[in-house]
């Protein structure tokens, strides 16, 4: 777990946030491939998460800049809705449409969480299978493979992946958990637990919108527990990075402090 304060980057709006997140993700995956030959990323869903992936696909089509060999990228998911494979609620479906099918990630490197109309009728069985998939790709003795970047969104109440405050998933020590009676529909899901999330080299939280500002401020302040506020319980091994738009950052101190390593508002003078 990273012991250094998180990096906090503030962009003026959701559009700038998606662009900055995409550029940073391409750079990080390219750097991982330069060292290891491959790269691995854990995807998230939601509006801003999908917007970042769409912008990554656009960058892949540009002739200049850093490039990623998408045939050498392993793709995992932080959580998934336990619904049929063709359901529009599936994070996998959106990711394939806006990025994976566009850039040509090989099927064997796309590690999707099971759908409800597949081999497993119960989310607990799907979670156990996904945990086994992670372990099979990991070095001996570890439950999770090298995850270069793990992307997360955050809800207004502070949930990440499908770990909601004061729920069994927030207390579960397994790397992958089944979620039933989720406070937000659809009610049945499969999610990485803290054990897997916090094993990633870098964890990036992508957060947009004024409604999430109180939870952002609370998660970055001292005192919140992971059970009360799951976003406060996620940490990368090397780096934890919050990528925010100005609205989501409204509750943060104006200057670095209170445990924050840095706050960048490099577009603060842009028109919005």
C-alpha atoms as a PDB file:
ATOM      1  CA  UNK A   1       0.000   0.000   0.000  1.00  0.00           C
ATOM      2  CA  UNK A   2       1.204   3.474  -0.833  1.00  0.00           C
ATOM      3  CA  UNK A   3       2.202   5.425   2.273  1.00  0.00           C
ATOM      4  CA  UNK A   4       2.584   8.748   0.447  1.00  0.00           C
ATOM      5  CA  UNK A   5      -0.282  11.239   0.210  1.00  0.00           C
ATOM      6  CA  UNK A   6      -2.453  10.953  -2.888  1.00  0.00           C
ATOM      7  CA  UNK A   7      -1.907  13.047  -5.974  1.00  0.00           C
ATOM      8  CA  UNK A   8      -4.884  15.297  -6.693  1.00  0.00           C
ATOM      9  CA  UNK A   9      -5.328  16.796 -10.149  1.00  0.00           C
ATOM     10  CA  UNK A  10      -8.174  19.229 -10.820  1.00  0.00           C
ATOM     11  CA  UNK A  11      -9.439  19.923 -14.338  1.00  0.00           C
ATOM     12  CA  UNK A  12     -11.968  22.649 -15.177  1.00  0.00           C
ATOM     13  CA  UNK A  13     -14.771  20.371 -16.369  1.00  0.00           C
ATOM     14  CA  UNK A  14     -15.691  16.811 -17.317  1.00  0.00           C
ATOM     15  CA  UNK A  15     -14.476  17.195 -20.892  1.00  0.00           C
ATOM     16  CA  UNK A  16     -11.011  18.296 -19.808  1.00  0.00           C
ATOM     17  CA  UNK A  17     -11.014  15.552 -17.176  1.00  0.00           C
ATOM     18  CA  UNK A  18     -11.736  12.851 -19.748  1.00  0.00           C
ATOM     19  CA  UNK A  19      -9.009  14.159 -22.027  1.00  0.00           C
ATOM     20  CA  UNK A  20      -6.424  14.412 -19.250  1.00  0.00           C
ATOM     21  CA  UNK A  21      -7.327  10.972 -17.913  1.00  0.00           C
ATOM     22  CA  UNK A  22      -7.001   9.414 -21.347  1.00  0.00           C
ATOM     23  CA  UNK A  23      -3.637  11.032 -22.054  1.00  0.00           C
ATOM     24  CA  UNK A  24      -2.300   9.941 -18.674  1.00  0.00           C
ATOM     25  CA  UNK A  25      -3.585   6.393 -19.155  1.00  0.00           C
ATOM     26  CA  UNK A  26      -1.943   6.043 -22.571  1.00  0.00           C
ATOM     27  CA  UNK A  27       1.336   7.316 -21.145  1.00  0.00           C
ATOM     28  CA  UNK A  28       1.198   4.938 -18.187  1.00  0.00           C
ATOM     29  CA  UNK A  29       0.392   1.861 -20.287  1.00  0.00           C
ATOM     30  CA  UNK A  30       3.132   2.738 -22.781  1.00  0.00           C
ATOM     31  CA  UNK A  31       5.609   3.089 -19.913  1.00  0.00           C
ATOM     32  CA  UNK A  32       4.570  -0.277 -18.469  1.00  0.00           C
ATOM     33  CA  UNK A  33       5.075  -1.933 -21.845  1.00  0.00           C
ATOM     34  CA  UNK A  34       8.517  -0.366 -22.158  1.00  0.00           C
ATOM     35  CA  UNK A  35       9.504  -2.088 -18.896  1.00  0.00           C
ATOM     36  CA  UNK A  36       7.538  -5.343 -18.945  1.00  0.00           C
ATOM     37  CA  UNK A  37       6.581  -5.862 -22.594  1.00  0.00           C
ATOM     38  CA  UNK A  38       2.919  -5.959 -21.575  1.00  0.00           C
ATOM     39  CA  UNK A  39       0.566  -3.719 -19.620  1.00  0.00           C
ATOM     40  CA  UNK A  40      -2.546  -4.325 -17.570  1.00  0.00           C
ATOM     41  CA  UNK A  41      -5.464  -2.069 -16.784  1.00  0.00           C
ATOM     42  CA  UNK A  42      -8.589  -2.453 -14.677  1.00  0.00           C
ATOM     43  CA  UNK A  43     -11.537  -0.597 -16.178  1.00  0.00           C
ATOM     44  CA  UNK A  44     -14.481   1.135 -14.598  1.00  0.00           C
ATOM     45  CA  UNK A  45     -17.885   2.073 -15.970  1.00  0.00           C
ATOM     46  CA  UNK A  46     -19.997   5.171 -15.535  1.00  0.00           C
ATOM     47  CA  UNK A  47     -20.154   8.354 -17.539  1.00  0.00           C
ATOM     48  CA  UNK A  48     -16.681   9.710 -16.906  1.00  0.00           C
ATOM     49  CA  UNK A  49     -15.052   6.277 -17.103  1.00  0.00           C
ATOM     50  CA  UNK A  50     -16.614   5.621 -20.500  1.00  0.00           C
ATOM     51  CA  UNK A  51     -15.677   9.116 -21.675  1.00  0.00           C
ATOM     52  CA  UNK A  52     -12.028   8.429 -20.815  1.00  0.00           C
ATOM     53  CA  UNK A  53     -12.074   5.182 -22.803  1.00  0.00           C
ATOM     54  CA  UNK A  54     -13.646   6.914 -25.792  1.00  0.00           C
ATOM     55  CA  UNK A  55     -10.905   9.539 -25.724  1.00  0.00           C
ATOM     56  CA  UNK A  56      -8.244   6.799 -25.459  1.00  0.00           C
ATOM     57  CA  UNK A  57      -9.626   5.281 -28.671  1.00  0.00           C
ATOM     58  CA  UNK A  58      -9.372   8.670 -30.353  1.00  0.00           C
ATOM     59  CA  UNK A  59      -5.755   9.016 -29.241  1.00  0.00           C
ATOM     60  CA  UNK A  60      -4.996   5.571 -30.662  1.00  0.00           C
ATOM     61  CA  UNK A  61      -6.037   6.828 -34.082  1.00  0.00           C
ATOM     62  CA  UNK A  62      -3.768   9.875 -33.956  1.00  0.00           C
ATOM     63  CA  UNK A  63      -0.439   9.573 -35.820  1.00  0.00           C
ATOM     64  CA  UNK A  64       1.720  11.271 -33.195  1.00  0.00           C
ATOM     65  CA  UNK A  65       2.337  10.940 -29.486  1.00  0.00           C
ATOM     66  CA  UNK A  66       2.915   7.973 -27.220  1.00  0.00           C
ATOM     67  CA  UNK A  67       1.492   4.709 -28.473  1.00  0.00           C
ATOM     68  CA  UNK A  68       0.252   1.558 -26.805  1.00  0.00           C
ATOM     69  CA  UNK A  69       0.476  -1.895 -28.345  1.00  0.00           C
ATOM     70  CA  UNK A  70      -3.093  -2.943 -27.658  1.00  0.00           C
ATOM     71  CA  UNK A  71      -2.331  -6.549 -28.587  1.00  0.00           C
ATOM     72  CA  UNK A  72      -0.164  -6.646 -25.441  1.00  0.00           C
ATOM     73  CA  UNK A  73      -2.629  -5.157 -22.943  1.00  0.00           C
ATOM     74  CA  UNK A  74      -4.517  -7.248 -20.392  1.00  0.00           C
ATOM     75  CA  UNK A  75      -7.921  -5.800 -19.526  1.00  0.00           C
ATOM     76  CA  UNK A  76      -9.769  -6.520 -16.280  1.00  0.00           C
ATOM     77  CA  UNK A  77     -12.787  -4.945 -14.594  1.00  0.00           C
ATOM     78  CA  UNK A  78     -13.271  -3.466 -11.145  1.00  0.00           C
ATOM     79  CA  UNK A  79     -16.917  -4.453 -11.023  1.00  0.00           C
ATOM     80  CA  UNK A  80     -19.737  -5.624 -13.219  1.00  0.00           C
ATOM     81  CA  UNK A  81     -23.510  -5.747 -13.156  1.00  0.00           C
ATOM     82  CA  UNK A  82     -24.698  -9.365 -12.954  1.00  0.00           C
ATOM     83  CA  UNK A  83     -27.105  -9.066 -15.878  1.00  0.00           C
ATOM     84  CA  UNK A  84     -27.304 -10.758 -19.313  1.00  0.00           C
ATOM     85  CA  UNK A  85     -24.313 -10.293 -21.619  1.00  0.00           C
ATOM     86  CA  UNK A  86     -26.186  -8.068 -24.086  1.00  0.00           C
ATOM     87  CA  UNK A  87     -27.670  -5.798 -21.401  1.00  0.00           C
ATOM     88  CA  UNK A  88     -26.735  -2.143 -21.811  1.00  0.00           C
ATOM     89  CA  UNK A  89     -26.004  -2.027 -18.058  1.00  0.00           C
ATOM     90  CA  UNK A  90     -22.874  -4.136 -18.580  1.00  0.00           C
ATOM     91  CA  UNK A  91     -19.634  -2.179 -18.135  1.00  0.00           C
ATOM     92  CA  UNK A  92     -18.019  -4.671 -20.508  1.00  0.00           C
ATOM     93  CA  UNK A  93     -20.465  -3.822 -23.294  1.00  0.00           C
ATOM     94  CA  UNK A  94     -19.693  -0.108 -23.130  1.00  0.00           C
ATOM     95  CA  UNK A  95     -15.935  -0.702 -22.946  1.00  0.00           C
ATOM     96  CA  UNK A  96     -15.986  -2.980 -25.975  1.00  0.00           C
ATOM     97  CA  UNK A  97     -18.042  -0.508 -27.975  1.00  0.00           C
ATOM     98  CA  UNK A  98     -15.969   2.606 -27.307  1.00  0.00           C
ATOM     99  CA  UNK A  99     -12.458   1.158 -26.969  1.00  0.00           C
ATOM    100  CA  UNK A 100     -11.646  -2.556 -26.973  1.00  0.00           C
ATOM    101  CA  UNK A 101     -13.226  -3.445 -30.305  1.00  0.00           C
ATOM    102  CA  UNK A 102     -11.900  -0.210 -31.811  1.00  0.00           C
ATOM    103  CA  UNK A 103      -8.252  -0.793 -30.924  1.00  0.00           C
ATOM    104  CA  UNK A 104      -8.314  -4.563 -31.330  1.00  0.00           C
ATOM    105  CA  UNK A 105      -7.458  -5.991 -27.915  1.00  0.00           C
ATOM    106  CA  UNK A 106      -7.196  -9.775 -28.452  1.00  0.00           C
ATOM    107  CA  UNK A 107     -10.044 -11.797 -26.952  1.00  0.00           C
ATOM    108  CA  UNK A 108      -7.706 -13.835 -24.758  1.00  0.00           C
ATOM    109  CA  UNK A 109      -6.483 -10.646 -23.059  1.00  0.00           C
ATOM    110  CA  UNK A 110      -9.976  -9.356 -22.234  1.00  0.00           C
ATOM    111  CA  UNK A 111     -10.890 -10.758 -18.822  1.00  0.00           C
ATOM    112  CA  UNK A 112     -14.582  -9.979 -18.500  1.00  0.00           C
ATOM    113  CA  UNK A 113     -16.601 -10.769 -15.408  1.00  0.00           C
ATOM    114  CA  UNK A 114     -19.315 -13.395 -16.043  1.00  0.00           C
ATOM    115  CA  UNK A 115     -22.812 -12.411 -17.139  1.00  0.00           C
ATOM    116  CA  UNK A 116     -25.966 -13.749 -15.498  1.00  0.00           C
ATOM    117  CA  UNK A 117     -26.961 -15.731 -18.592  1.00  0.00           C
ATOM    118  CA  UNK A 118     -23.624 -17.499 -18.857  1.00  0.00           C
ATOM    119  CA  UNK A 119     -22.101 -20.433 -17.030  1.00  0.00           C
ATOM    120  CA  UNK A 120     -22.925 -19.194 -13.543  1.00  0.00           C
ATOM    121  CA  UNK A 121     -26.437 -18.679 -12.230  1.00  0.00           C
ATOM    122  CA  UNK A 122     -25.313 -17.135  -8.937  1.00  0.00           C
ATOM    123  CA  UNK A 123     -23.060 -14.095  -8.423  1.00  0.00           C
ATOM    124  CA  UNK A 124     -21.109 -15.932  -5.710  1.00  0.00           C
ATOM    125  CA  UNK A 125     -20.020 -18.547  -8.258  1.00  0.00           C
ATOM    126  CA  UNK A 126     -19.140 -15.808 -10.757  1.00  0.00           C
ATOM    127  CA  UNK A 127     -17.050 -14.026  -8.118  1.00  0.00           C
ATOM    128  CA  UNK A 128     -15.192 -17.232  -7.225  1.00  0.00           C
ATOM    129  CA  UNK A 129     -14.450 -17.858 -10.910  1.00  0.00           C
ATOM    130  CA  UNK A 130     -13.095 -14.342 -11.412  1.00  0.00           C
ATOM    131  CA  UNK A 131     -10.911 -14.671  -8.325  1.00  0.00           C
ATOM    132  CA  UNK A 132      -9.505 -17.869  -9.833  1.00  0.00           C
ATOM    133  CA  UNK A 133      -8.826 -16.055 -13.131  1.00  0.00           C
ATOM    134  CA  UNK A 134      -6.884 -13.358 -11.301  1.00  0.00           C
ATOM    135  CA  UNK A 135      -4.898 -15.923  -9.332  1.00  0.00           C
ATOM    136  CA  UNK A 136      -4.101 -17.927 -12.482  1.00  0.00           C
ATOM    137  CA  UNK A 137      -2.533 -14.813 -14.030  1.00  0.00           C
ATOM    138  CA  UNK A 138      -0.619 -13.906 -10.875  1.00  0.00           C
ATOM    139  CA  UNK A 139       2.881 -14.938  -9.806  1.00  0.00           C
ATOM    140  CA  UNK A 140       3.059 -17.945  -7.520  1.00  0.00           C
ATOM    141  CA  UNK A 141       1.904 -17.110  -4.039  1.00  0.00           C
ATOM    142  CA  UNK A 142      -0.103 -14.050  -5.032  1.00  0.00           C
ATOM    143  CA  UNK A 143      -3.858 -13.706  -5.549  1.00  0.00           C
ATOM    144  CA  UNK A 144      -3.660 -10.859  -8.075  1.00  0.00           C
ATOM    145  CA  UNK A 145      -1.445 -10.284 -11.138  1.00  0.00           C
ATOM    146  CA  UNK A 146       0.496  -7.088 -11.780  1.00  0.00           C
ATOM    147  CA  UNK A 147      -2.130  -4.405 -12.357  1.00  0.00           C
ATOM    148  CA  UNK A 148      -0.435  -1.302 -13.710  1.00  0.00           C
ATOM    149  CA  UNK A 149      -3.450   1.010 -13.452  1.00  0.00           C
ATOM    150  CA  UNK A 150      -6.796   0.446 -11.793  1.00  0.00           C
ATOM    151  CA  UNK A 151      -9.493   2.966 -12.667  1.00  0.00           C
ATOM    152  CA  UNK A 152     -12.373   3.721 -10.322  1.00  0.00           C
ATOM    153  CA  UNK A 153     -15.359   5.995 -10.365  1.00  0.00           C
ATOM    154  CA  UNK A 154     -17.026   7.166  -7.176  1.00  0.00           C
ATOM    155  CA  UNK A 155     -20.667   7.651  -6.248  1.00  0.00           C
ATOM    156  CA  UNK A 156     -22.023  10.621  -4.302  1.00  0.00           C
ATOM    157  CA  UNK A 157     -22.168   8.497  -1.147  1.00  0.00           C
ATOM    158  CA  UNK A 158     -18.540   7.424  -1.604  1.00  0.00           C
ATOM    159  CA  UNK A 159     -18.912   3.972  -3.130  1.00  0.00           C
ATOM    160  CA  UNK A 160     -16.196   2.597  -5.424  1.00  0.00           C
ATOM    161  CA  UNK A 161     -16.521  -0.401  -7.751  1.00  0.00           C
ATOM    162  CA  UNK A 162     -19.631  -2.005  -6.203  1.00  0.00           C
ATOM    163  CA  UNK A 163     -18.489  -1.523  -2.612  1.00  0.00           C
ATOM    164  CA  UNK A 164     -21.106   0.646  -0.902  1.00  0.00           C
ATOM    165  CA  UNK A 165     -20.894   2.150   2.598  1.00  0.00           C
ATOM    166  CA  UNK A 166     -21.874  -0.060   5.521  1.00  0.00           C
ATOM    167  CA  UNK A 167     -22.458  -3.155   3.351  1.00  0.00           C
ATOM    168  CA  UNK A 168     -20.967  -6.659   3.575  1.00  0.00           C
ATOM    169  CA  UNK A 169     -18.652  -5.950   0.619  1.00  0.00           C
ATOM    170  CA  UNK A 170     -16.999  -3.155   2.620  1.00  0.00           C
ATOM    171  CA  UNK A 171     -15.995  -5.716   5.260  1.00  0.00           C
ATOM    172  CA  UNK A 172     -15.145  -8.613   2.931  1.00  0.00           C
ATOM    173  CA  UNK A 173     -11.480  -9.598   2.760  1.00  0.00           C
ATOM    174  CA  UNK A 174     -11.715 -11.682  -0.423  1.00  0.00           C
ATOM    175  CA  UNK A 175     -10.272 -10.320  -3.700  1.00  0.00           C
ATOM    176  CA  UNK A 176     -13.613 -10.675  -5.519  1.00  0.00           C
ATOM    177  CA  UNK A 177     -17.041 -10.509  -3.895  1.00  0.00           C
ATOM    178  CA  UNK A 178     -20.659 -11.022  -4.871  1.00  0.00           C
ATOM    179  CA  UNK A 179     -22.934  -8.070  -4.136  1.00  0.00           C
ATOM    180  CA  UNK A 180     -26.635  -8.570  -3.526  1.00  0.00           C
ATOM    181  CA  UNK A 181     -29.273  -5.983  -2.649  1.00  0.00           C
ATOM    182  CA  UNK A 182     -27.055  -3.217  -3.982  1.00  0.00           C
ATOM    183  CA  UNK A 183     -28.367   0.241  -2.952  1.00  0.00           C
ATOM    184  CA  UNK A 184     -28.118   1.318  -6.595  1.00  0.00           C
ATOM    185  CA  UNK A 185     -29.730  -0.680  -9.407  1.00  0.00           C
ATOM    186  CA  UNK A 186     -29.135  -3.210 -10.757  1.00  0.00           C
ATOM    187  CA  UNK A 187     -29.107  -4.894  -7.330  1.00  0.00           C
ATOM    188  CA  UNK A 188     -26.883  -7.889  -8.106  1.00  0.00           C
ATOM    189  CA  UNK A 189     -23.229  -7.407  -9.027  1.00  0.00           C
ATOM    190  CA  UNK A 190     -19.704  -8.799  -8.887  1.00  0.00           C
ATOM    191  CA  UNK A 191     -16.923  -6.559  -7.590  1.00  0.00           C
ATOM    192  CA  UNK A 192     -13.261  -6.558  -6.774  1.00  0.00           C
ATOM    193  CA  UNK A 193     -12.789  -6.222  -3.045  1.00  0.00           C
ATOM    194  CA  UNK A 194     -10.289  -4.006  -1.265  1.00  0.00           C
ATOM    195  CA  UNK A 195      -7.757  -6.861  -1.274  1.00  0.00           C
ATOM    196  CA  UNK A 196      -7.558  -6.793  -5.072  1.00  0.00           C
ATOM    197  CA  UNK A 197      -8.048  -3.048  -5.574  1.00  0.00           C
ATOM    198  CA  UNK A 198      -5.246  -2.166  -3.185  1.00  0.00           C
ATOM    199  CA  UNK A 199      -2.889  -4.641  -4.852  1.00  0.00           C
ATOM    200  CA  UNK A 200      -2.782  -2.486  -8.009  1.00  0.00           C
ATOM    201  CA  UNK A 201       0.387  -0.514  -8.686  1.00  0.00           C
ATOM    202  CA  UNK A 202      -1.594   2.667  -9.278  1.00  0.00           C
ATOM    203  CA  UNK A 203      -5.202   3.432  -8.366  1.00  0.00           C
ATOM    204  CA  UNK A 204      -6.845   6.369 -10.132  1.00  0.00           C
ATOM    205  CA  UNK A 205     -10.211   7.743  -9.041  1.00  0.00           C
ATOM    206  CA  UNK A 206     -12.051   9.636 -11.786  1.00  0.00           C
ATOM    207  CA  UNK A 207     -14.706  11.868 -10.270  1.00  0.00           C
ATOM    208  CA  UNK A 208     -16.904  14.500 -11.885  1.00  0.00           C
ATOM    209  CA  UNK A 209     -19.771  16.636 -10.666  1.00  0.00           C
ATOM    210  CA  UNK A 210     -20.827  18.863  -7.791  1.00  0.00           C
ATOM    211  CA  UNK A 211     -22.930  16.131  -6.168  1.00  0.00           C
ATOM    212  CA  UNK A 212     -19.760  14.188  -5.383  1.00  0.00           C
ATOM    213  CA  UNK A 213     -17.809  17.082  -3.843  1.00  0.00           C
ATOM    214  CA  UNK A 214     -18.701  16.274  -0.197  1.00  0.00           C
ATOM    215  CA  UNK A 215     -17.601  12.643  -0.561  1.00  0.00           C
ATOM    216  CA  UNK A 216     -14.366  13.683  -2.295  1.00  0.00           C
ATOM    217  CA  UNK A 217     -13.536  16.068   0.538  1.00  0.00           C
ATOM    218  CA  UNK A 218     -14.390  13.468   3.179  1.00  0.00           C
ATOM    219  CA  UNK A 219     -12.340  10.737   1.491  1.00  0.00           C
ATOM    220  CA  UNK A 220      -9.272  12.969   1.280  1.00  0.00           C
ATOM    221  CA  UNK A 221      -9.587  14.132   4.867  1.00  0.00           C
ATOM    222  CA  UNK A 222      -8.345  12.131   7.820  1.00  0.00           C
ATOM    223  CA  UNK A 223     -10.731  10.040   9.857  1.00  0.00           C
ATOM    224  CA  UNK A 224     -13.061   8.346   7.384  1.00  0.00           C
ATOM    225  CA  UNK A 225     -13.025   4.550   7.501  1.00  0.00           C
ATOM    226  CA  UNK A 226     -13.301   2.284   4.473  1.00  0.00           C
ATOM    227  CA  UNK A 227     -16.549   0.823   5.784  1.00  0.00           C
ATOM    228  CA  UNK A 228     -18.108   4.258   6.233  1.00  0.00           C
ATOM    229  CA  UNK A 229     -16.690   5.677   3.002  1.00  0.00           C
ATOM    230  CA  UNK A 230     -15.223   3.046   0.667  1.00  0.00           C
ATOM    231  CA  UNK A 231     -13.385   5.650  -1.438  1.00  0.00           C
ATOM    232  CA  UNK A 232     -11.285   6.424   1.632  1.00  0.00           C
ATOM    233  CA  UNK A 233     -10.101   2.816   1.760  1.00  0.00           C
ATOM    234  CA  UNK A 234      -8.509   2.499  -1.691  1.00  0.00           C
ATOM    235  CA  UNK A 235      -4.770   2.957  -2.170  1.00  0.00           C
ATOM    236  CA  UNK A 236      -2.356   2.001  -4.918  1.00  0.00           C
ATOM    237  CA  UNK A 237       0.851   0.204  -4.030  1.00  0.00           C
ATOM    238  CA  UNK A 238       2.908   2.999  -5.624  1.00  0.00           C
ATOM    239  CA  UNK A 239       0.447   5.797  -6.340  1.00  0.00           C
ATOM    240  CA  UNK A 240      -3.076   6.889  -5.522  1.00  0.00           C
ATOM    241  CA  UNK A 241      -4.342   9.591  -7.850  1.00  0.00           C
ATOM    242  CA  UNK A 242      -7.578  11.561  -7.757  1.00  0.00           C
ATOM    243  CA  UNK A 243      -8.519  13.061 -11.135  1.00  0.00           C
ATOM    244  CA  UNK A 244     -11.308  15.566 -10.531  1.00  0.00           C
ATOM    245  CA  UNK A 245     -13.187  18.257 -12.324  1.00  0.00           C
ATOM    246  CA  UNK A 246     -13.570  21.613 -10.623  1.00  0.00           C
ATOM    247  CA  UNK A 247     -17.098  20.831  -9.427  1.00  0.00           C
ATOM    248  CA  UNK A 248     -16.056  17.603  -7.726  1.00  0.00           C
ATOM    249  CA  UNK A 249     -13.114  19.398  -6.091  1.00  0.00           C
ATOM    250  CA  UNK A 250     -15.255  22.222  -4.700  1.00  0.00           C
ATOM    251  CA  UNK A 251     -14.922  21.016  -1.110  1.00  0.00           C
ATOM    252  CA  UNK A 252     -11.127  20.711  -1.134  1.00  0.00           C
ATOM    253  CA  UNK A 253      -8.761  23.295   0.362  1.00  0.00           C
ATOM    254  CA  UNK A 254      -7.640  26.000  -2.052  1.00  0.00           C
ATOM    255  CA  UNK A 255      -3.943  25.204  -1.523  1.00  0.00           C
ATOM    256  CA  UNK A 256      -2.183  21.904  -0.820  1.00  0.00           C
ATOM    257  CA  UNK A 257      -2.574  20.735   2.731  1.00  0.00           C
ATOM    258  CA  UNK A 258      -4.498  18.433   5.034  1.00  0.00           C
ATOM    259  CA  UNK A 259      -2.626  15.416   3.744  1.00  0.00           C
ATOM    260  CA  UNK A 260      -2.801  16.352   0.049  1.00  0.00           C
ATOM    261  CA  UNK A 261       0.435  15.958  -1.873  1.00  0.00           C
ATOM    262  CA  UNK A 262      -0.455  18.320  -4.700  1.00  0.00           C
ATOM    263  CA  UNK A 263      -3.367  20.076  -6.288  1.00  0.00           C
ATOM    264  CA  UNK A 264      -2.993  21.067  -9.920  1.00  0.00           C
ATOM    265  CA  UNK A 265      -5.474  23.376 -11.600  1.00  0.00           C
ATOM    266  CA  UNK A 266      -3.438  24.012 -14.700  1.00  0.00           C
ATOM    267  CA  UNK A 267      -6.511  25.017 -16.663  1.00  0.00           C
ATOM    268  CA  UNK A 268      -7.849  27.278 -13.944  1.00  0.00           C
ATOM    269  CA  UNK A 269      -7.900  30.274 -16.259  1.00  0.00           C
ATOM    270  CA  UNK A 270      -9.634  28.424 -19.105  1.00  0.00           C
ATOM    271  CA  UNK A 271     -13.168  29.414 -19.952  1.00  0.00           C
ATOM    272  CA  UNK A 272     -15.724  26.746 -19.062  1.00  0.00           C
END
